[in-house]
Amino acid sequence: MCFHHQLIPIPNTGKERSAIDDSGDMLKMLLETKADLVLNGHRHTSNLYTVSSSEKDLFIFNAG
């Protein structure tokens, strides 16, 4: 899955007004639909998060 705005705030990038409003619902849906990877690009800082459920890991990568 690819998003312009990030689902999770990126550290050390200032105020995080560009994270999407329904990110919690979106993360839940991505875990339920077996997505493996989310790509973001709005903040120009590389960052990687892993969000885990009891069944799988979801990798969220912010491209620098």
N, C-alpha and C. Protein backbone atom coordinates (compact mmCIF):
# COMPACT_ATOMS: atom_id res chain seq x y z
N MET A 1 0.85 -1.15 0.00
CA MET A 1 0.00 0.00 0.00
C MET A 1 0.91 1.22 0.00
N CYS A 2 0.50 2.26 -0.67
CA CYS A 2 1.30 3.48 -0.74
C CYS A 2 0.43 4.68 -0.39
N PHE A 3 0.96 5.56 0.46
CA PHE A 3 0.28 6.79 0.86
C PHE A 3 1.23 7.96 0.68
N HIS A 4 0.70 9.12 0.36
CA HIS A 4 1.53 10.32 0.34
C HIS A 4 1.82 10.76 1.77
N HIS A 5 0.80 10.86 2.59
CA HIS A 5 0.97 11.26 4.00
C HIS A 5 1.20 10.02 4.86
N GLN A 6 1.94 10.21 5.94
CA GLN A 6 2.30 9.08 6.79
C GLN A 6 1.15 8.68 7.72
N LEU A 7 1.18 7.40 8.11
CA LEU A 7 0.19 6.87 9.04
C LEU A 7 0.61 7.10 10.49
N ILE A 8 1.92 7.15 10.72
CA ILE A 8 2.47 7.32 12.06
C ILE A 8 3.42 8.52 12.02
N PRO A 9 3.36 9.42 13.00
CA PRO A 9 4.27 10.57 12.99
C PRO A 9 5.74 10.15 12.91
N ILE A 10 6.52 10.93 12.19
CA ILE A 10 7.94 10.66 12.00
C ILE A 10 8.73 11.51 13.00
N PRO A 11 9.60 10.90 13.80
CA PRO A 11 10.36 11.65 14.80
C PRO A 11 11.25 12.73 14.18
N ASN A 12 11.42 13.81 14.92
CA ASN A 12 12.35 14.89 14.56
C ASN A 12 12.02 15.59 13.25
N THR A 13 10.74 15.69 12.92
CA THR A 13 10.36 16.39 11.69
C THR A 13 9.45 17.58 11.97
N GLY A 14 9.32 17.98 13.22
CA GLY A 14 8.47 19.11 13.55
C GLY A 14 7.04 18.67 13.80
N LYS A 15 6.12 19.63 13.74
CA LYS A 15 4.71 19.33 14.00
C LYS A 15 4.18 18.35 12.96
N GLU A 16 3.43 17.39 13.43
CA GLU A 16 2.96 16.31 12.57
C GLU A 16 1.51 16.52 12.16
N ARG A 17 1.25 17.55 11.40
CA ARG A 17 -0.11 17.80 10.93
C ARG A 17 -0.44 17.01 9.68
N SER A 18 0.55 16.37 9.10
CA SER A 18 0.30 15.69 7.83
C SER A 18 0.03 14.19 7.97
N ALA A 19 -0.01 13.67 9.19
CA ALA A 19 -0.43 12.28 9.37
C ALA A 19 -1.93 12.21 9.10
N ILE A 20 -2.39 11.13 8.48
CA ILE A 20 -3.81 11.07 8.13
C ILE A 20 -4.67 10.94 9.38
N ASP A 21 -5.87 11.50 9.32
CA ASP A 21 -6.76 11.57 10.48
C ASP A 21 -7.22 10.20 10.98
N ASP A 22 -7.49 9.29 10.08
CA ASP A 22 -8.03 7.98 10.48
C ASP A 22 -6.95 6.89 10.46
N SER A 23 -5.75 7.24 10.87
CA SER A 23 -4.62 6.30 10.76
C SER A 23 -4.83 5.04 11.60
N GLY A 24 -5.45 5.15 12.76
CA GLY A 24 -5.71 3.97 13.58
C GLY A 24 -6.62 2.98 12.87
N ASP A 25 -7.69 3.50 12.27
CA ASP A 25 -8.60 2.64 11.51
C ASP A 25 -7.90 2.04 10.30
N MET A 26 -7.06 2.84 9.64
CA MET A 26 -6.34 2.36 8.47
C MET A 26 -5.34 1.27 8.85
N LEU A 27 -4.61 1.45 9.96
CA LEU A 27 -3.67 0.42 10.41
C LEU A 27 -4.40 -0.88 10.72
N LYS A 28 -5.54 -0.79 11.38
CA LYS A 28 -6.34 -1.98 11.69
C LYS A 28 -6.76 -2.70 10.42
N MET A 29 -7.25 -1.94 9.43
CA MET A 29 -7.68 -2.53 8.17
C MET A 29 -6.51 -3.18 7.43
N LEU A 30 -5.34 -2.54 7.44
CA LEU A 30 -4.17 -3.10 6.77
C LEU A 30 -3.74 -4.42 7.41
N LEU A 31 -3.79 -4.49 8.73
CA LEU A 31 -3.45 -5.73 9.42
C LEU A 31 -4.48 -6.83 9.13
N GLU A 32 -5.74 -6.46 9.07
CA GLU A 32 -6.80 -7.44 8.81
C GLU A 32 -6.76 -7.96 7.38
N THR A 33 -6.31 -7.15 6.44
CA THR A 33 -6.30 -7.56 5.03
C THR A 33 -4.96 -8.16 4.61
N LYS A 34 -4.11 -8.41 5.58
CA LYS A 34 -2.83 -9.10 5.34
C LYS A 34 -1.83 -8.30 4.52
N ALA A 35 -1.92 -6.98 4.55
CA ALA A 35 -0.90 -6.16 3.89
C ALA A 35 0.44 -6.39 4.59
N ASP A 36 1.51 -6.31 3.84
CA ASP A 36 2.85 -6.54 4.40
C ASP A 36 3.66 -5.26 4.52
N LEU A 37 3.40 -4.28 3.63
CA LEU A 37 4.26 -3.11 3.55
C LEU A 37 3.44 -1.87 3.22
N VAL A 38 3.76 -0.77 3.91
CA VAL A 38 3.19 0.53 3.61
C VAL A 38 4.34 1.47 3.29
N LEU A 39 4.23 2.20 2.18
CA LEU A 39 5.23 3.19 1.80
C LEU A 39 4.63 4.57 1.93
N ASN A 40 5.39 5.49 2.55
CA ASN A 40 4.99 6.89 2.69
C ASN A 40 6.11 7.76 2.15
N GLY A 41 5.82 9.01 1.85
CA GLY A 41 6.89 9.85 1.34
C GLY A 41 6.80 11.31 1.67
N HIS A 42 5.79 11.76 2.40
CA HIS A 42 5.58 13.19 2.60
C HIS A 42 6.73 13.85 3.37
N ARG A 43 7.15 13.26 4.46
CA ARG A 43 8.28 13.78 5.23
C ARG A 43 9.57 13.26 4.61
N HIS A 44 10.52 14.14 4.43
CA HIS A 44 11.77 13.78 3.75
C HIS A 44 12.80 13.25 4.75
N THR A 45 12.37 12.27 5.53
CA THR A 45 13.22 11.61 6.52
C THR A 45 12.93 10.12 6.46
N SER A 46 13.96 9.32 6.27
CA SER A 46 13.75 7.87 6.24
C SER A 46 13.42 7.35 7.63
N ASN A 47 12.48 6.45 7.70
CA ASN A 47 12.08 5.88 8.97
C ASN A 47 11.37 4.56 8.71
N LEU A 48 11.53 3.61 9.62
CA LEU A 48 10.86 2.32 9.50
C LEU A 48 10.20 1.97 10.82
N TYR A 49 8.92 1.63 10.75
CA TYR A 49 8.17 1.14 11.90
C TYR A 49 7.70 -0.27 11.60
N THR A 50 7.54 -1.06 12.63
CA THR A 50 6.89 -2.36 12.52
C THR A 50 5.69 -2.34 13.45
N VAL A 51 4.52 -2.58 12.89
CA VAL A 51 3.29 -2.69 13.66
C VAL A 51 2.90 -4.16 13.64
N SER A 52 2.71 -4.74 14.81
CA SER A 52 2.46 -6.18 14.90
C SER A 52 1.08 -6.48 15.46
N SER A 53 0.50 -7.54 14.94
CA SER A 53 -0.71 -8.11 15.52
C SER A 53 -0.34 -9.53 15.95
N SER A 54 -1.30 -10.25 16.48
CA SER A 54 -1.02 -11.63 16.89
C SER A 54 -0.73 -12.53 15.69
N GLU A 55 -1.12 -12.09 14.50
CA GLU A 55 -0.98 -12.92 13.30
C GLU A 55 0.15 -12.50 12.37
N LYS A 56 0.56 -11.23 12.40
CA LYS A 56 1.53 -10.78 11.39
C LYS A 56 2.20 -9.48 11.79
N ASP A 57 3.21 -9.11 11.01
CA ASP A 57 3.88 -7.82 11.14
C ASP A 57 3.58 -6.99 9.90
N LEU A 58 3.41 -5.70 10.10
CA LEU A 58 3.21 -4.75 9.01
C LEU A 58 4.37 -3.77 9.07
N PHE A 59 5.11 -3.65 7.98
CA PHE A 59 6.25 -2.74 7.93
C PHE A 59 5.81 -1.43 7.28
N ILE A 60 6.11 -0.33 7.96
CA ILE A 60 5.75 1.00 7.47
C ILE A 60 7.04 1.77 7.24
N PHE A 61 7.33 2.04 5.97
CA PHE A 61 8.57 2.70 5.59
C PHE A 61 8.28 4.08 5.05
N ASN A 62 8.93 5.08 5.64
CA ASN A 62 8.85 6.45 5.14
C ASN A 62 10.11 6.71 4.32
N ALA A 63 9.93 6.93 3.02
CA ALA A 63 11.08 7.17 2.14
C ALA A 63 11.61 8.58 2.38
N GLY A 64 12.89 8.73 2.41
CA GLY A 64 13.52 10.01 2.68
C GLY A 64 13.47 10.97 1.54
